[in-house]
Protein backbone atom coordinates (compact mmCIF):
# COMPACT_ATOMS: atom_id res chain seq x y z
CA UNK A 1 0.00 0.00 0.00
CA UNK A 2 1.04 3.60 -0.56
CA UNK A 3 0.82 6.12 2.25
CA UNK A 4 1.41 9.86 2.07
CA UNK A 5 3.27 10.86 5.22
CA UNK A 6 4.70 14.31 5.91
CA UNK A 7 4.48 15.18 2.22
CA UNK A 8 6.29 12.06 1.03
CA UNK A 9 4.92 8.85 -0.49
CA UNK A 10 5.91 5.60 1.22
CA UNK A 11 5.28 2.13 -0.16
CA UNK A 12 4.83 -0.46 2.55
CA UNK A 13 3.96 -4.12 2.40
CA UNK A 14 1.88 -4.76 5.49
CA UNK A 15 -1.45 -6.35 6.24
CA UNK A 16 -4.34 -3.91 5.81
CA UNK A 17 -5.49 -4.30 9.41
CA UNK A 18 -2.06 -3.49 10.88
CA UNK A 19 -2.47 -0.37 13.05
CA UNK A 20 -1.03 2.76 11.49
CA UNK A 21 1.05 3.28 14.65
CA UNK A 22 3.09 0.15 13.95
CA UNK A 23 3.52 1.03 10.28
CA UNK A 24 4.91 4.44 11.31
CA UNK A 25 7.17 3.13 14.06
CA UNK A 26 8.23 -0.34 12.97
CA UNK A 27 8.10 -0.16 9.19
CA UNK A 28 9.10 3.47 8.54
CA UNK A 29 11.12 4.28 11.69
CA UNK A 30 9.04 7.41 12.40
CA UNK A 31 9.28 6.92 16.14
CA UNK A 32 8.02 10.30 17.34
CA UNK A 33 4.53 8.82 17.53
CA UNK A 34 4.36 6.78 20.74
CA UNK A 35 2.54 3.67 21.92
CA UNK A 36 0.74 4.28 25.19
CA UNK A 37 -2.40 2.30 25.92
CA UNK A 38 -3.27 0.38 22.75
CA UNK A 39 -6.98 1.26 23.02
CA UNK A 40 -7.01 4.86 21.67
CA UNK A 41 -7.56 6.36 25.12
CA UNK A 42 -4.31 8.08 26.10
CA UNK A 43 -3.48 9.96 22.89
CA UNK A 44 0.26 9.24 22.80
CA UNK A 45 -0.22 7.87 19.29
CA UNK A 46 -1.97 10.97 17.88
CA UNK A 47 -1.17 12.11 14.33
CA UNK A 48 -3.12 14.15 11.78
CA UNK A 49 -5.09 12.46 9.05
CA UNK A 50 -6.08 15.12 6.50
CA UNK A 51 -5.55 17.69 9.27
CA UNK A 52 -7.71 15.94 11.87
CA UNK A 53 -6.14 14.57 15.05
CA UNK A 54 -6.56 10.78 15.15
CA UNK A 55 -5.22 8.04 17.37
CA UNK A 56 -3.28 5.46 15.44
CA UNK A 57 -2.93 2.51 17.81
CA UNK A 58 -6.32 1.13 16.70
CA UNK A 59 -6.59 2.74 13.24
CA UNK A 60 -5.90 0.25 10.45
CA UNK A 61 -3.21 1.53 8.10
CA UNK A 62 -5.57 0.87 5.19
CA UNK A 63 -7.92 3.58 6.53
CA UNK A 64 -5.28 6.18 5.71
CA UNK A 65 -4.77 5.26 2.06
CA UNK A 66 -5.34 8.35 -0.10
CA UNK A 67 -5.13 10.70 2.86
CA UNK A 68 -2.30 12.92 4.09
CA UNK A 69 -0.74 11.71 7.31
CA UNK A 70 1.23 14.22 9.37
CA UNK A 71 3.33 13.01 12.28
CA UNK A 72 5.15 15.07 14.87
CA UNK A 73 8.23 14.82 12.64
CA UNK A 74 6.30 16.66 9.91
CA UNK A 75 5.07 19.76 11.72
CA UNK A 76 8.33 21.68 11.51
CA UNK A 77 8.66 23.46 8.17
CA UNK A 78 11.80 24.70 6.47
CA UNK A 79 13.85 24.13 9.60
CA UNK A 80 11.46 26.19 11.77
CA UNK A 81 9.57 24.63 14.62
CA UNK A 82 5.87 25.38 14.91
CA UNK A 83 4.23 27.87 17.27
CA UNK A 84 3.09 24.99 19.48
CA UNK A 85 6.62 23.59 19.64
CA UNK A 86 8.02 27.02 20.53
CA UNK A 87 5.40 27.46 23.25
CA UNK A 88 6.05 23.95 24.60
CA UNK A 89 9.70 24.89 25.05
CA UNK A 90 8.93 28.33 26.50
CA UNK A 91 6.55 26.87 29.09
CA UNK A 92 8.71 23.83 29.78
CA UNK A 93 5.67 21.61 29.30
CA UNK A 94 7.24 18.14 29.30
CA UNK A 95 8.33 16.33 32.41
CA UNK A 96 8.88 12.73 31.36
CA UNK A 97 7.90 13.75 27.81
CA UNK A 98 6.39 10.45 26.73
CA UNK A 99 2.93 11.80 25.89
CA UNK A 100 4.16 15.04 24.40
CA UNK A 101 4.24 14.19 20.69
CA UNK A 102 0.58 13.19 20.82
CA UNK A 103 -0.27 16.19 22.97
CA UNK A 104 1.48 18.52 20.51
CA UNK A 105 -0.41 16.97 17.58
CA UNK A 106 -3.74 17.42 19.38
CA UNK A 107 -2.85 21.05 20.17
CA UNK A 108 -1.83 21.72 16.55
CA UNK A 109 -5.21 20.41 15.35
CA UNK A 110 -7.06 22.50 17.95
CA UNK A 111 -5.34 25.73 16.88
CA UNK A 112 -6.07 24.99 13.24
CA UNK A 113 -9.77 24.64 14.10
CA UNK A 114 -9.92 27.40 16.75
CA UNK A 115 -7.06 29.91 16.43
CA UNK A 116 -7.89 31.59 19.75
CA UNK A 117 -9.27 28.83 21.98
CA UNK A 118 -10.82 29.37 25.40
CA UNK A 119 -9.89 27.22 28.39
CA UNK A 120 -13.12 25.29 27.78
CA UNK A 121 -12.15 24.70 24.13
CA UNK A 122 -8.78 23.36 25.26
CA UNK A 123 -10.33 21.12 27.90
CA UNK A 124 -12.76 19.66 25.36
CA UNK A 125 -10.20 19.16 22.59
CA UNK A 126 -7.15 17.97 24.53
CA UNK A 127 -8.25 14.62 25.90
CA UNK A 128 -4.74 13.18 25.88
CA UNK A 129 -3.49 11.76 29.15
CA UNK A 130 -0.33 13.10 30.78
CA UNK A 131 0.80 10.91 33.67
CA UNK A 132 2.97 13.77 34.94
CA UNK A 133 -0.04 16.10 35.13
CA UNK A 134 1.32 19.02 33.09
CA UNK A 135 -2.16 20.10 32.02
CA UNK A 136 -1.81 23.69 33.29
CA UNK A 137 1.41 24.10 31.32
CA UNK A 138 -0.26 22.57 28.26
CA UNK A 139 -3.10 25.08 28.53
CA UNK A 140 -0.69 28.00 28.99
CA UNK A 141 1.41 26.86 26.03
CA UNK A 142 -1.65 26.61 23.79
CA UNK A 143 -2.68 30.16 24.73
CA UNK A 144 0.88 31.37 24.04
CA UNK A 145 0.97 29.60 20.66
CA UNK A 146 -2.35 31.20 19.74
CA UNK A 147 -0.70 34.60 20.17
CA UNK A 148 2.67 33.53 18.75
CA UNK A 149 4.78 36.24 17.17
CA UNK A 150 7.76 33.89 16.71
CA UNK A 151 9.60 35.53 19.59
CA UNK A 152 8.42 33.49 22.57
CA UNK A 153 10.49 34.12 25.68
CA UNK A 154 10.97 31.25 28.11
CA UNK A 155 8.53 31.15 31.00
CA UNK A 156 9.76 29.47 34.15
CA UNK A 157 7.42 28.14 36.80
């Protein structure tokens, strides 16, 4: 099957029901997308499918044929990290960091849909689980990214 990932076409020979997560990680070595729960609850495996945040641990790879897949590796453009990535760094969001690629992908999709989200919008859209509990930093980073002027100063605390 052919998959369009981060603007590039990949040909993979896998069974149609193989979860997209394992195609990305094991077949294509795109390991930014993480395995967390295996039941699409935690969000560590979140990528964009035609711009929509989806969880890939239960999504058959065949469901993404003919669609554009964007992984965390594909959100930086021309050597520049995205507004969300800049805000994540400025607010020191990650602790252990395991969930962060999925959290970043969910936040990217939210800002595309709602460029100036409220706290309620963020709470409804970001259903990813962070075992370290960095939800307040996530919210602050999303608000910062919404106002991004590409000169985000680090925020400590």
